[in-house]
PDB file of N, CA and C in Angstrom:
ATOM      1  N   MET A   1      -2.990 -25.851  42.040  1.00  0.00           N
ATOM      2  CA  MET A   1      -2.062 -26.006  41.676  1.00  0.00           C
ATOM      3  C   MET A   1      -2.415 -26.915  40.196  1.00  0.00           C
ATOM      4  N   ALA A   2      -1.662 -27.017  39.424  1.00  0.00           N
ATOM      5  CA  ALA A   2      -1.843 -27.630  37.924  1.00  0.00           C
ATOM      6  C   ALA A   2      -1.715 -29.207  37.953  1.00  0.00           C
ATOM      7  N   ASP A   3      -2.881 -29.837  37.810  1.00  0.00           N
ATOM      8  CA  ASP A   3      -2.644 -31.306  37.881  1.00  0.00           C
ATOM      9  C   ASP A   3      -1.909 -31.580  36.963  1.00  0.00           C
ATOM     10  N   LYS A   4      -0.912 -33.153  36.938  1.00  0.00           N
ATOM     11  CA  LYS A   4      -0.053 -33.335  35.725  1.00  0.00           C
ATOM     12  C   LYS A   4      -1.027 -33.822  35.149  1.00  0.00           C
ATOM     13  N   GLY A   5      -1.829 -34.310  34.807  1.00  0.00           N
ATOM     14  CA  GLY A   5      -3.056 -34.356  33.688  1.00  0.00           C
ATOM     15  C   GLY A   5      -3.565 -34.183  33.056  1.00  0.00           C
ATOM     16  N   ASP A   6      -3.396 -32.426  33.291  1.00  0.00           N
ATOM     17  CA  ASP A   6      -3.462 -31.086  32.646  1.00  0.00           C
ATOM     18  C   ASP A   6      -2.512 -30.728  31.335  1.00  0.00           C
ATOM     19  N   LYS A   7      -1.123 -30.959  32.091  1.00  0.00           N
ATOM     20  CA  LYS A   7      -0.388 -30.766  31.242  1.00  0.00           C
ATOM     21  C   LYS A   7      -0.023 -31.488  30.199  1.00  0.00           C
ATOM     22  N   GLY A   8      -0.482 -33.010  30.485  1.00  0.00           N
ATOM     23  CA  GLY A   8      -0.390 -33.736  29.440  1.00  0.00           C
ATOM     24  C   GLY A   8      -1.554 -33.590  28.089  1.00  0.00           C
ATOM     25  N   VAL A   9      -2.665 -33.104  28.866  1.00  0.00           N
ATOM     26  CA  VAL A   9      -3.662 -32.789  27.912  1.00  0.00           C
ATOM     27  C   VAL A   9      -3.151 -31.915  26.686  1.00  0.00           C
ATOM     28  N   LYS A  10      -2.603 -30.734  27.448  1.00  0.00           N
ATOM     29  CA  LYS A  10      -2.295 -28.824  27.079  1.00  0.00           C
ATOM     30  C   LYS A  10      -1.273 -29.786  25.821  1.00  0.00           C
ATOM     31  N   ASP A  11      -0.421 -30.617  26.114  1.00  0.00           N
ATOM     32  CA  ASP A  11       0.927 -31.230  25.255  1.00  0.00           C
ATOM     33  C   ASP A  11       0.033 -32.039  24.387  1.00  0.00           C
ATOM     34  N   VAL A  12      -0.946 -32.687  24.482  1.00  0.00           N
ATOM     35  CA  VAL A  12      -1.557 -33.342  23.216  1.00  0.00           C
ATOM     36  C   VAL A  12      -1.694 -32.274  22.406  1.00  0.00           C
ATOM     37  N   PHE A  13      -2.985 -31.129  22.759  1.00  0.00           N
ATOM     38  CA  PHE A  13      -3.247 -29.992  22.159  1.00  0.00           C
ATOM     39  C   PHE A  13      -2.404 -29.098  21.070  1.00  0.00           C
ATOM     40  N   LYS A  14      -1.411 -29.000  21.756  1.00  0.00           N
ATOM     41  CA  LYS A  14      -0.182 -28.307  21.460  1.00  0.00           C
ATOM     42  C   LYS A  14       0.219 -29.353  20.068  1.00  0.00           C
ATOM     43  N   GLN A  15       0.082 -30.658  20.294  1.00  0.00           N
ATOM     44  CA  GLN A  15       0.908 -31.337  18.947  1.00  0.00           C
ATOM     45  C   GLN A  15      -0.044 -31.180  17.897  1.00  0.00           C
ATOM     46  N   VAL A  16      -1.588 -31.701  18.242  1.00  0.00           N
ATOM     47  CA  VAL A  16      -2.777 -31.442  17.128  1.00  0.00           C
ATOM     48  C   VAL A  16      -2.463 -30.471  16.823  1.00  0.00           C
ATOM     49  N   TYR A  17      -2.016 -29.266  17.290  1.00  0.00           N
ATOM     50  CA  TYR A  17      -2.547 -27.542  16.512  1.00  0.00           C
ATOM     51  C   TYR A  17      -1.568 -27.370  15.847  1.00  0.00           C
ATOM     52  N   ASP A  18       0.308 -27.893  16.203  1.00  0.00           N
ATOM     53  CA  ASP A  18       1.185 -27.719  15.275  1.00  0.00           C
ATOM     54  C   ASP A  18       1.103 -28.806  13.941  1.00  0.00           C
ATOM     55  N   LEU A  19       0.633 -29.635  13.993  1.00  0.00           N
ATOM     56  CA  LEU A  19       0.106 -30.905  12.959  1.00  0.00           C
ATOM     57  C   LEU A  19      -0.750 -30.054  12.187  1.00  0.00           C
ATOM     58  N   TRP A  20      -1.940 -29.222  12.433  1.00  0.00           N
ATOM     59  CA  TRP A  20      -2.607 -28.806  12.345  1.00  0.00           C
ATOM     60  C   TRP A  20      -2.094 -27.982  11.335  1.00  0.00           C
ATOM     61  N   GLU A  21      -1.489 -27.039  11.814  1.00  0.00           N
ATOM     62  CA  GLU A  21      -0.848 -25.591  11.347  1.00  0.00           C
ATOM     63  C   GLU A  21       0.266 -25.987  10.369  1.00  0.00           C
ATOM     64  N   LYS A  22       0.866 -27.010  10.288  1.00  0.00           N
ATOM     65  CA  LYS A  22       1.486 -27.213   8.987  1.00  0.00           C
ATOM     66  C   LYS A  22       0.663 -27.678   7.958  1.00  0.00           C
ATOM     67  N   SER A  23      -0.169 -28.501   8.255  1.00  0.00           N
ATOM     68  CA  SER A  23      -0.809 -29.135   6.982  1.00  0.00           C
ATOM     69  C   SER A  23      -1.549 -27.676   6.449  1.00  0.00           C
ATOM     70  N   ALA A  24      -2.479 -27.137   7.300  1.00  0.00           N
ATOM     71  CA  ALA A  24      -3.013 -26.221   6.713  1.00  0.00           C
ATOM     72  C   ALA A  24      -1.795 -25.128   5.710  1.00  0.00           C
ATOM     73  N   GLY A  25      -1.041 -24.749   6.708  1.00  0.00           N
ATOM     74  CA  GLY A  25      -0.044 -23.411   5.845  1.00  0.00           C
ATOM     75  C   GLY A  25       0.467 -24.169   4.729  1.00  0.00           C
ATOM     76  N   GLU A  26       1.170 -25.786   4.368  1.00  0.00           N
ATOM     77  CA  GLU A  26       1.098 -26.061   3.330  1.00  0.00           C
ATOM     78  C   GLU A  26       0.067 -26.177   2.184  1.00  0.00           C
ATOM     79  N   GLN A  27      -1.121 -26.377   2.651  1.00  0.00           N
ATOM     80  CA  GLN A  27      -2.323 -26.106   1.562  1.00  0.00           C
ATOM     81  C   GLN A  27      -2.269 -24.420   1.177  1.00  0.00           C
ATOM     82  N   ILE A  28      -2.132 -24.100   2.049  1.00  0.00           N
ATOM     83  CA  ILE A  28      -2.548 -22.663   1.582  1.00  0.00           C
ATOM     84  C   ILE A  28      -1.485 -21.818   0.946  1.00  0.00           C
ATOM     85  N   GLU A  29      -0.679 -22.247   1.171  1.00  0.00           N
ATOM     86  CA  GLU A  29       0.942 -21.864   0.266  1.00  0.00           C
ATOM     87  C   GLU A  29       0.508 -22.448  -0.854  1.00  0.00           C
ATOM     88  N   LYS A  30       0.170 -23.722  -1.029  1.00  0.00           N
ATOM     89  CA  LYS A  30       0.240 -24.366  -2.108  1.00  0.00           C
ATOM     90  C   LYS A  30      -0.862 -23.349  -3.781  1.00  0.00           C
ATOM     91  N   LEU A  31      -2.183 -23.268  -2.585  1.00  0.00           N
ATOM     92  CA  LEU A  31      -3.310 -22.369  -2.903  1.00  0.00           C
ATOM     93  C   LEU A  31      -2.968 -20.657  -3.664  1.00  0.00           C
ATOM     94  N   ALA A  32      -2.223 -20.304  -2.657  1.00  0.00           N
ATOM     95  CA  ALA A  32      -1.852 -19.160  -3.148  1.00  0.00           C
ATOM     96  C   ALA A  32      -1.275 -19.160  -3.996  1.00  0.00           C
ATOM     97  N   ARG A  33      -0.089 -20.242  -4.185  1.00  0.00           N
ATOM     98  CA  ARG A  33       0.615 -19.826  -5.797  1.00  0.00           C
ATOM     99  C   ARG A  33      -0.278 -20.597  -6.702  1.00  0.00           C
ATOM    100  N   SER A  34      -0.976 -20.735  -6.808  1.00  0.00           N
ATOM    101  CA  SER A  34      -1.786 -21.177  -8.002  1.00  0.00           C
ATOM    102  C   SER A  34      -2.355 -20.179  -9.016  1.00  0.00           C
ATOM    103  N   GLN A  35      -2.176 -20.963 -10.045  1.00  0.00           N
ATOM    104  CA  GLN A  35      -2.629 -19.407 -11.104  1.00  0.00           C
ATOM    105  C   GLN A  35      -4.248 -19.546 -10.945  1.00  0.00           C
ATOM    106  N   THR A  36      -5.394 -20.476 -10.822  1.00  0.00           N
ATOM    107  CA  THR A  36      -6.284 -19.999 -10.157  1.00  0.00           C
ATOM    108  C   THR A  36      -6.780 -19.254  -9.031  1.00  0.00           C
ATOM    109  N   PHE A  37      -5.584 -19.496  -7.827  1.00  0.00           N
ATOM    110  CA  PHE A  37      -5.774 -18.409  -7.307  1.00  0.00           C
ATOM    111  C   PHE A  37      -5.590 -17.231  -7.538  1.00  0.00           C
ATOM    112  N   LEU A  38      -4.382 -16.908  -8.445  1.00  0.00           N
ATOM    113  CA  LEU A  38      -3.388 -15.797  -8.701  1.00  0.00           C
ATOM    114  C   LEU A  38      -4.870 -14.532  -9.826  1.00  0.00           C
ATOM    115  N   ALA A  39      -5.516 -15.798 -10.905  1.00  0.00           N
ATOM    116  CA  ALA A  39      -6.112 -14.986 -11.349  1.00  0.00           C
ATOM    117  C   ALA A  39      -7.945 -14.666 -10.652  1.00  0.00           C
ATOM    118  N   ALA A  40      -8.091 -15.308  -9.865  1.00  0.00           N
ATOM    119  CA  ALA A  40      -9.203 -15.019  -9.095  1.00  0.00           C
ATOM    120  C   ALA A  40      -9.122 -13.717  -8.162  1.00  0.00           C
ATOM    121  N   LEU A  41      -7.585 -13.394  -7.845  1.00  0.00           N
ATOM    122  CA  LEU A  41      -7.021 -12.365  -6.871  1.00  0.00           C
ATOM    123  C   LEU A  41      -6.779 -11.184  -7.939  1.00  0.00           C
ATOM    124  N   ALA A  42      -6.583 -11.108  -8.943  1.00  0.00           N
ATOM    125  CA  ALA A  42      -6.533 -10.594 -10.274  1.00  0.00           C
ATOM    126  C   ALA A  42      -7.636  -9.919 -10.657  1.00  0.00           C
ATOM    127  N   GLN A  43      -8.608 -10.812 -10.809  1.00  0.00           N
ATOM    128  CA  GLN A  43     -10.187 -10.301 -11.091  1.00  0.00           C
ATOM    129  C   GLN A  43     -10.851  -9.565 -10.086  1.00  0.00           C
ATOM    130  N   ASN A  44     -10.715 -10.013  -8.543  1.00  0.00           N
ATOM    131  CA  ASN A  44     -11.205  -9.191  -7.840  1.00  0.00           C
ATOM    132  C   ASN A  44     -10.396  -7.664  -7.426  1.00  0.00           C
ATOM    133  N   LEU A  45      -9.082  -7.770  -7.868  1.00  0.00           N
ATOM    134  CA  LEU A  45      -9.014  -6.595  -8.030  1.00  0.00           C
ATOM    135  C   LEU A  45      -9.363  -5.096  -8.891  1.00  0.00           C
ATOM    136  N   GLU A  46      -9.683  -6.045 -10.089  1.00  0.00           N
ATOM    137  CA  GLU A  46      -9.851  -5.158 -11.374  1.00  0.00           C
ATOM    138  C   GLU A  46     -11.450  -4.614 -10.904  1.00  0.00           C
ATOM    139  N   GLN A  47     -12.509  -5.836 -10.542  1.00  0.00           N
ATOM    140  CA  GLN A  47     -13.588  -5.463 -10.375  1.00  0.00           C
ATOM    141  C   GLN A  47     -13.590  -4.342  -9.542  1.00  0.00           C
ATOM    142  N   THR A  48     -12.456  -4.708  -8.135  1.00  0.00           N
ATOM    143  CA  THR A  48     -12.544  -3.424  -6.903  1.00  0.00           C
ATOM    144  C   THR A  48     -12.612  -2.104  -7.802  1.00  0.00           C
ATOM    145  N   LEU A  49     -11.564  -1.818  -8.424  1.00  0.00           N
ATOM    146  CA  LEU A  49     -10.728  -0.644  -9.213  1.00  0.00           C
ATOM    147  C   LEU A  49     -12.166   0.307  -9.975  1.00  0.00           C
ATOM    148  N   ASN A  50     -12.768  -1.481 -10.935  1.00  0.00           N
ATOM    149  CA  ASN A  50     -14.116  -0.362 -11.630  1.00  0.00           C
ATOM    150  C   ASN A  50     -15.325  -0.077 -10.790  1.00  0.00           C
ATOM    151  N   LEU A  51     -15.454  -0.714  -9.872  1.00  0.00           N
ATOM    152  CA  LEU A  51     -16.422  -0.001  -8.477  1.00  0.00           C
ATOM    153  C   LEU A  51     -16.009   1.306  -8.394  1.00  0.00           C
ATOM    154  N   SER A  52     -14.946   1.333  -7.610  1.00  0.00           N
ATOM    155  CA  SER A  52     -14.451   2.913  -7.332  1.00  0.00           C
ATOM    156  C   SER A  52     -14.373   3.643  -8.558  1.00  0.00           C
ATOM    157  N   GLY A  53     -14.327   3.801  -9.894  1.00  0.00           N
ATOM    158  CA  GLY A  53     -14.379   4.504 -10.373  1.00  0.00           C
ATOM    159  C   GLY A  53     -15.562   4.774 -10.798  1.00  0.00           C
ATOM    160  N   ARG A  54     -16.839   3.680 -10.521  1.00  0.00           N
ATOM    161  CA  ARG A  54     -18.525   3.961 -10.519  1.00  0.00           C
ATOM    162  C   ARG A  54     -18.338   4.705 -10.037  1.00  0.00           C
ATOM    163  N   VAL A  55     -18.160   4.457  -8.556  1.00  0.00           N
ATOM    164  CA  VAL A  55     -18.919   5.456  -7.392  1.00  0.00           C
ATOM    165  C   VAL A  55     -18.263   6.585  -7.367  1.00  0.00           C
ATOM    166  N   LYS A  56     -17.168   6.912  -7.998  1.00  0.00           N
ATOM    167  CA  LYS A  56     -16.625   8.185  -8.354  1.00  0.00           C
ATOM    168  C   LYS A  56     -17.411   9.154  -9.242  1.00  0.00           C
ATOM    169  N   GLU A  57     -17.650   8.137 -10.294  1.00  0.00           N
ATOM    170  CA  GLU A  57     -19.232   9.031 -11.758  1.00  0.00           C
ATOM    171  C   GLU A  57     -20.422   9.119 -10.944  1.00  0.00           C
ATOM    172  N   ILE A  58     -21.006   8.125 -10.003  1.00  0.00           N
ATOM    173  CA  ILE A  58     -21.989   8.619  -9.452  1.00  0.00           C
ATOM    174  C   ILE A  58     -21.916   9.612  -8.659  1.00  0.00           C
ATOM    175  N   SER A  59     -21.106   9.734  -7.572  1.00  0.00           N
ATOM    176  CA  SER A  59     -20.739  10.899  -6.835  1.00  0.00           C
ATOM    177  C   SER A  59     -20.547  12.230  -7.792  1.00  0.00           C
ATOM    178  N   GLN A  60     -20.242  12.506  -9.088  1.00  0.00           N
ATOM    179  CA  GLN A  60     -20.035  13.194  -9.319  1.00  0.00           C
ATOM    180  C   GLN A  60     -20.981  13.912  -9.955  1.00  0.00           C
ATOM    181  N   THR A  61     -21.732  12.983 -10.721  1.00  0.00           N
ATOM    182  CA  THR A  61     -23.587  13.137 -11.366  1.00  0.00           C
ATOM    183  C   THR A  61     -23.791  13.496 -10.205  1.00  0.00           C
ATOM    184  N   THR A  62     -24.237  13.189  -8.870  1.00  0.00           N
ATOM    185  CA  THR A  62     -25.225  13.584  -8.433  1.00  0.00           C
ATOM    186  C   THR A  62     -24.465  14.907  -7.373  1.00  0.00           C
ATOM    187  N   LEU A  63     -23.626  15.422  -7.185  1.00  0.00           N
ATOM    188  CA  LEU A  63     -23.207  16.651  -6.988  1.00  0.00           C
ATOM    189  C   LEU A  63     -23.437  17.771  -8.159  1.00  0.00           C
ATOM    190  N   GLY A  64     -23.369  17.306  -9.239  1.00  0.00           N
ATOM    191  CA  GLY A  64     -23.245  18.124  -9.955  1.00  0.00           C
ATOM    192  C   GLY A  64     -25.086  18.589 -10.214  1.00  0.00           C
ATOM    193  N   VAL A  65     -25.675  17.346  -9.788  1.00  0.00           N
ATOM    194  CA  VAL A  65     -27.331  17.309 -10.116  1.00  0.00           C
ATOM    195  C   VAL A  65     -27.631  18.552  -8.682  1.00  0.00           C
ATOM    196  N   MET A  66     -27.423  18.481  -7.561  1.00  0.00           N
ATOM    197  CA  MET A  66     -27.644  18.880  -6.603  1.00  0.00           C
ATOM    198  C   MET A  66     -27.055  20.557  -6.281  1.00  0.00           C
ATOM    199  N   ASN A  67     -25.684  20.711  -7.435  1.00  0.00           N
ATOM    200  CA  ASN A  67     -25.195  22.079  -8.009  1.00  0.00           C
ATOM    201  C   ASN A  67     -24.239  22.216  -6.590  1.00  0.00           C
ATOM    202  N   LEU A  68     -23.399  21.074  -6.396  1.00  0.00           N
ATOM    203  CA  LEU A  68     -22.711  21.576  -5.573  1.00  0.00           C
ATOM    204  C   LEU A  68     -21.548  20.612  -6.203  1.00  0.00           C
ATOM    205  N   PRO A  69     -20.085  21.961  -6.049  1.00  0.00           N
ATOM    206  CA  PRO A  69     -18.945  21.662  -6.558  1.00  0.00           C
ATOM    207  C   PRO A  69     -18.224  20.181  -6.309  1.00  0.00           C
ATOM    208  N   THR A  70     -17.694  19.431  -7.426  1.00  0.00           N
ATOM    209  CA  THR A  70     -16.752  18.454  -7.010  1.00  0.00           C
ATOM    210  C   THR A  70     -15.436  18.639  -6.699  1.00  0.00           C
ATOM    211  N   ARG A  71     -14.511  17.312  -6.165  1.00  0.00           N
ATOM    212  CA  ARG A  71     -13.375  17.410  -5.933  1.00  0.00           C
ATOM    213  C   ARG A  71     -12.804  18.221  -7.101  1.00  0.00           C
ATOM    214  N   GLN A  72     -12.696  17.626  -8.514  1.00  0.00           N
ATOM    215  CA  GLN A  72     -12.239  18.448  -9.229  1.00  0.00           C
ATOM    216  C   GLN A  72     -12.266  20.408  -9.664  1.00  0.00           C
ATOM    217  N   ASP A  73     -13.687  20.063  -9.068  1.00  0.00           N
ATOM    218  CA  ASP A  73     -14.412  21.475  -9.285  1.00  0.00           C
ATOM    219  C   ASP A  73     -12.989  22.801  -8.335  1.00  0.00           C
ATOM    220  N   VAL A  74     -12.990  21.992  -7.273  1.00  0.00           N
ATOM    221  CA  VAL A  74     -12.396  22.434  -6.346  1.00  0.00           C
ATOM    222  C   VAL A  74     -10.837  22.327  -5.796  1.00  0.00           C
ATOM    223  N   GLU A  75     -10.430  21.616  -7.103  1.00  0.00           N
ATOM    224  CA  GLU A  75      -9.138  21.571  -6.886  1.00  0.00           C
ATOM    225  C   GLU A  75      -8.936  22.541  -8.462  1.00  0.00           C
ATOM    226  N   ALA A  76      -9.844  22.884  -9.384  1.00  0.00           N
ATOM    227  CA  ALA A  76      -9.075  23.666 -10.188  1.00  0.00           C
ATOM    228  C   ALA A  76      -9.057  25.343  -9.707  1.00  0.00           C
ATOM    229  N   ILE A  77     -10.292  25.948  -8.732  1.00  0.00           N
ATOM    230  CA  ILE A  77     -10.495  26.831  -8.219  1.00  0.00           C
ATOM    231  C   ILE A  77      -9.069  27.170  -7.187  1.00  0.00           C
ATOM    232  N   ASN A  78      -8.916  26.226  -6.017  1.00  0.00           N
ATOM    233  CA  ASN A  78      -7.076  25.838  -5.752  1.00  0.00           C
ATOM    234  C   ASN A  78      -6.420  26.670  -6.865  1.00  0.00           C
ATOM    235  N   LYS A  79      -6.202  25.853  -7.805  1.00  0.00           N
ATOM    236  CA  LYS A  79      -5.521  26.117  -9.192  1.00  0.00           C
ATOM    237  C   LYS A  79      -5.455  27.666  -9.361  1.00  0.00           C
ATOM    238  N   GLN A  80      -6.349  27.949  -9.408  1.00  0.00           N
ATOM    239  CA  GLN A  80      -6.655  29.345 -10.238  1.00  0.00           C
ATOM    240  C   GLN A  80      -5.838  30.545  -8.955  1.00  0.00           C
ATOM    241  N   LEU A  81      -6.413  29.978  -7.773  1.00  0.00           N
ATOM    242  CA  LEU A  81      -6.414  30.780  -6.540  1.00  0.00           C
ATOM    243  C   LEU A  81      -4.773  30.869  -6.119  1.00  0.00           C
ATOM    244  N   ARG A  82      -4.121  29.961  -6.316  1.00  0.00           N
ATOM    245  CA  ARG A  82      -2.183  29.589  -6.469  1.00  0.00           C
ATOM    246  C   ARG A  82      -2.110  30.494  -6.948  1.00  0.00           C
ATOM    247  N   ALA A  83      -2.407  30.655  -8.680  1.00  0.00           N
ATOM    248  CA  ALA A  83      -1.534  31.249  -9.666  1.00  0.00           C
ATOM    249  C   ALA A  83      -2.134  32.944  -9.382  1.00  0.00           C
ATOM    250  N   MET A  84      -2.604  32.845  -8.834  1.00  0.00           N
ATOM    251  CA  MET A  84      -3.673  34.381  -8.615  1.00  0.00           C
ATOM    252  C   MET A  84      -2.718  35.163  -8.009  1.00  0.00           C
ATOM    253  N   ARG A  85      -2.117  33.987  -6.517  1.00  0.00           N
ATOM    254  CA  ARG A  85      -1.489  34.603  -5.411  1.00  0.00           C
ATOM    255  C   ARG A  85      -0.432  34.796  -5.996  1.00  0.00           C
ATOM    256  N   ASN A  86       0.538  33.642  -6.772  1.00  0.00           N
ATOM    257  CA  ASN A  86       1.800  34.330  -7.325  1.00  0.00           C
ATOM    258  C   ASN A  86       1.763  35.022  -8.148  1.00  0.00           C
ATOM    259  N   THR A  87       0.853  35.120  -9.009  1.00  0.00           N
ATOM    260  CA  THR A  87       0.634  36.974 -10.436  1.00  0.00           C
ATOM    261  C   THR A  87       0.918  38.205  -9.159  1.00  0.00           C
ATOM    262  N   LEU A  88       0.238  38.111  -7.752  1.00  0.00           N
ATOM    263  CA  LEU A  88      -0.191  39.387  -6.983  1.00  0.00           C
ATOM    264  C   LEU A  88       1.095  39.224  -6.228  1.00  0.00           C
ATOM    265  N   ASP A  89       1.988  38.499  -5.671  1.00  0.00           N
ATOM    266  CA  ASP A  89       3.184  38.688  -5.442  1.00  0.00           C
ATOM    267  C   ASP A  89       4.156  39.116  -6.145  1.00  0.00           C
ATOM    268  N   GLU A  90       4.259  38.573  -7.430  1.00  0.00           N
ATOM    269  CA  GLU A  90       5.010  39.182  -8.296  1.00  0.00           C
ATOM    270  C   GLU A  90       5.172  40.524  -8.429  1.00  0.00           C
ATOM    271  N   ILE A  91       3.614  40.840  -8.583  1.00  0.00           N
ATOM    272  CA  ILE A  91       3.363  42.785  -9.004  1.00  0.00           C
ATOM    273  C   ILE A  91       3.923  43.199  -7.256  1.00  0.00           C
ATOM    274  N   ASN A  92       3.382  42.497  -6.471  1.00  0.00           N
ATOM    275  CA  ASN A  92       4.037  43.413  -5.107  1.00  0.00           C
ATOM    276  C   ASN A  92       5.793  43.621  -5.284  1.00  0.00           C
ATOM    277  N   GLU A  93       6.031  42.744  -5.678  1.00  0.00           N
ATOM    278  CA  GLU A  93       7.531  42.541  -5.533  1.00  0.00           C
ATOM    279  C   GLU A  93       8.000  43.539  -6.355  1.00  0.00           C
ATOM    280  N   LYS A  94       7.719  43.890  -7.597  1.00  0.00           N
ATOM    281  CA  LYS A  94       8.103  45.368  -8.382  1.00  0.00           C
ATOM    282  C   LYS A  94       7.179  46.336  -8.093  1.00  0.00           C
ATOM    283  N   LEU A  95       6.380  46.368  -7.550  1.00  0.00           N
ATOM    284  CA  LEU A  95       6.192  47.573  -6.780  1.00  0.00           C
ATOM    285  C   LEU A  95       6.623  48.623  -6.021  1.00  0.00           C
ATOM    286  N   ASP A  96       7.714  47.264  -4.752  1.00  0.00           N
ATOM    287  CA  ASP A  96       8.247  47.535  -4.126  1.00  0.00           C
ATOM    288  C   ASP A  96       9.928  48.094  -4.501  1.00  0.00           C
ATOM    289  N   ILE A  97       9.697  47.794  -5.795  1.00  0.00           N
ATOM    290  CA  ILE A  97      11.257  47.959  -6.440  1.00  0.00           C
ATOM    291  C   ILE A  97      11.275  49.051  -7.029  1.00  0.00           C
ATOM    292  N   LEU A  98       9.679  49.968  -7.703  1.00  0.00           N
ATOM    293  CA  LEU A  98       9.378  50.804  -8.416  1.00  0.00           C
ATOM    294  C   LEU A  98       9.283  51.548  -7.080  1.00  0.00           C
ATOM    295  N   VAL A  99       8.902  51.627  -6.150  1.00  0.00           N
ATOM    296  CA  VAL A  99       7.913  52.651  -5.458  1.00  0.00           C
ATOM    297  C   VAL A  99       8.385  52.233  -4.380  1.00  0.00           C
ATOM    298  N   PRO A 100       9.525  53.460  -3.738  1.00  0.00           N
ATOM    299  CA  PRO A 100      10.254  52.862  -2.130  1.00  0.00           C
ATOM    300  C   PRO A 100       8.871  53.346  -1.109  1.00  0.00           C
ATOM    301  N   LYS A 101       8.676  52.537   0.030  1.00  0.00           N
ATOM    302  CA  LYS A 101       7.744  52.759   0.883  1.00  0.00           C
ATOM    303  C   LYS A 101       8.408  53.720   1.347  1.00  0.00           C
ATOM    304  N   PRO A 102       7.548  54.623   2.303  1.00  0.00           N
ATOM    305  CA  PRO A 102       7.797  56.013   3.439  1.00  0.00           C
ATOM    306  C   PRO A 102       8.196  55.069   4.388  1.00  0.00           C
ATOM    307  N   PRO A 103       8.913  56.157   4.879  1.00  0.00           N
ATOM    308  CA  PRO A 103       9.642  55.714   6.576  1.00  0.00           C
ATOM    309  C   PRO A 103       8.270  55.765   7.511  1.00  0.00           C
ATOM    310  N   GLU A 104       8.122  54.676   8.497  1.00  0.00           N
ATOM    311  CA  GLU A 104       7.525  54.517   9.270  1.00  0.00           C
ATOM    312  C   GLU A 104       7.590  55.403  10.420  1.00  0.00           C
ATOM    313  N   PRO A 105       6.290  56.198  10.959  1.00  0.00           N
ATOM    314  CA  PRO A 105       6.839  57.013  11.912  1.00  0.00           C
ATOM    315  C   PRO A 105       7.260  56.236  13.190  1.00  0.00           C
ATOM    316  N   GLU A 106       7.758  57.296  14.301  1.00  0.00           N
ATOM    317  CA  GLU A 106       7.999  56.840  14.999  1.00  0.00           C
ATOM    318  C   GLU A 106       6.797  56.152  16.461  1.00  0.00           C
ATOM    319  N   PRO A 107       7.286  55.584  17.196  1.00  0.00           N
ATOM    320  CA  PRO A 107       5.581  55.248  18.140  1.00  0.00           C
ATOM    321  C   PRO A 107       6.140  56.397  19.094  1.00  0.00           C
ATOM    322  N   GLU A 108       4.600  56.994  19.533  1.00  0.00           N
ATOM    323  CA  GLU A 108       5.057  58.359  20.313  1.00  0.00           C
ATOM    324  C   GLU A 108       4.981  57.518  21.831  1.00  0.00           C
ATOM    325  N   PRO A 109       5.564  58.257  22.496  1.00  0.00           N
ATOM    326  CA  PRO A 109       6.006  57.990  23.775  1.00  0.00           C
ATOM    327  C   PRO A 109       4.586  57.968  25.252  1.00  0.00           C
ATOM    328  N   GLU A 110       3.933  56.931  25.080  1.00  0.00           N
ATOM    329  CA  GLU A 110       2.865  56.941  26.392  1.00  0.00           C
ATOM    330  C   GLU A 110       2.949  57.529  27.412  1.00  0.00           C
ATOM    331  N   PRO A 111       2.548  58.491  27.694  1.00  0.00           N
ATOM    332  CA  PRO A 111       2.251  59.417  28.768  1.00  0.00           C
ATOM    333  C   PRO A 111       2.171  58.666  30.115  1.00  0.00           C
ATOM    334  N   LYS A 112       2.986  58.803  31.133  1.00  0.00           N
ATOM    335  CA  LYS A 112       3.213  58.628  32.065  1.00  0.00           C
ATOM    336  C   LYS A 112       2.250  58.956  33.164  1.00  0.00           C
ATOM    337  N   LYS A 113       1.751  57.528  33.944  1.00  0.00           N
ATOM    338  CA  LYS A 113       0.443  57.429  34.694  1.00  0.00           C
ATOM    339  C   LYS A 113       0.685  58.395  36.097  1.00  0.00           C
ATOM    340  N   ALA A 114      -0.176  58.620  36.533  1.00  0.00           N
ATOM    341  CA  ALA A 114      -0.142  59.381  37.793  1.00  0.00           C
ATOM    342  C   ALA A 114      -0.328  57.963  38.854  1.00  0.00           C
ATOM    343  N   ARG A 115       0.678  57.966  39.897  1.00  0.00           N
ATOM    344  CA  ARG A 115       0.653  57.030  40.819  1.00  0.00           C
ATOM    345  C   ARG A 115      -0.857  57.288  41.731  1.00  0.00           C
ATOM    346  N   THR A 116      -1.248  56.399  41.813  1.00  0.00           N
ATOM    347  CA  THR A 116      -2.527  56.273  42.976  1.00  0.00           C
ATOM    348  C   THR A 116      -2.306  55.638  44.090  1.00  0.00           C
ATOM    349  N   THR A 117      -2.722  56.155  45.348  1.00  0.00           N
ATOM    350  CA  THR A 117      -2.630  55.439  46.570  1.00  0.00           C
ATOM    351  C   THR A 117      -4.042  54.833  47.207  1.00  0.00           C
ATOM    352  N   ARG A 118      -4.353  53.563  47.221  1.00  0.00           N
ATOM    353  CA  ARG A 118      -5.561  53.465  48.375  1.00  0.00           C
ATOM    354  C   ARG A 118      -5.471  53.815  49.427  1.00  0.00           C
ATOM    355  N   SER A 119      -6.587  53.745  50.031  1.00  0.00           N
ATOM    356  CA  SER A 119      -6.239  53.806  51.478  1.00  0.00           C
ATOM    357  C   SER A 119      -7.050  52.633  51.806  1.00  0.00           C
ATOM    358  N   LYS A 120      -6.319  52.654  53.078  1.00  0.00           N
ATOM    359  CA  LYS A 120      -7.218  51.134  53.590  1.00  0.00           C
ATOM    360  C   LYS A 120      -7.717  51.352  54.557  1.00  0.00           C
ATOM    361  N   LYS A 121      -9.278  50.614  54.094  1.00  0.00           N
ATOM    362  CA  LYS A 121     -10.342  50.016  54.921  1.00  0.00           C
ATOM    363  C   LYS A 121     -10.050  49.881  56.451  1.00  0.00           C
ATOM    364  N   THR A 122     -10.379  50.495  57.430  1.00  0.00           N
ATOM    365  CA  THR A 122     -10.413  49.566  58.813  1.00  0.00           C
ATOM    366  C   THR A 122     -12.152  49.003  59.270  1.00  0.00           C
ATOM    367  N   THR A 123     -11.817  47.992  59.827  1.00  0.00           N
ATOM    368  CA  THR A 123     -13.009  47.255  60.328  1.00  0.00           C
ATOM    369  C   THR A 123     -13.242  47.283  61.663  1.00  0.00           C
ATOM    370  N   LYS A 124     -14.420  47.749  62.218  1.00  0.00           N
ATOM    371  CA  LYS A 124     -14.343  48.385  63.365  1.00  0.00           C
ATOM    372  C   LYS A 124     -14.875  47.259  64.076  1.00  0.00           C
TER     373      LYS A 124
END
């Protein structure tokens, strides 16, 4: 059974927590609206983007040195393949118009299989 004293202690802790949360929340909100915080946040975002760009450059250089394709290389090849596929589809469509396809031969009927009967083995 829970003691009445335990409930009183819980209530006190809850009041202290609520008071702390209110006070801290006000300070955090005040900080988040300050120009200093916003400037630091903007600077952090800018540095993150710069770092990301630098990592991309280093990756491309490293792949080039190792004679491996970069993402841009693969995307360029995919673009060329799509263009070639589209051109081939257009050529096939034009050929279908110019040269009619011969009729497909009818499939030959399958020969009927002879029925086999199994003999039952008897055990002695």
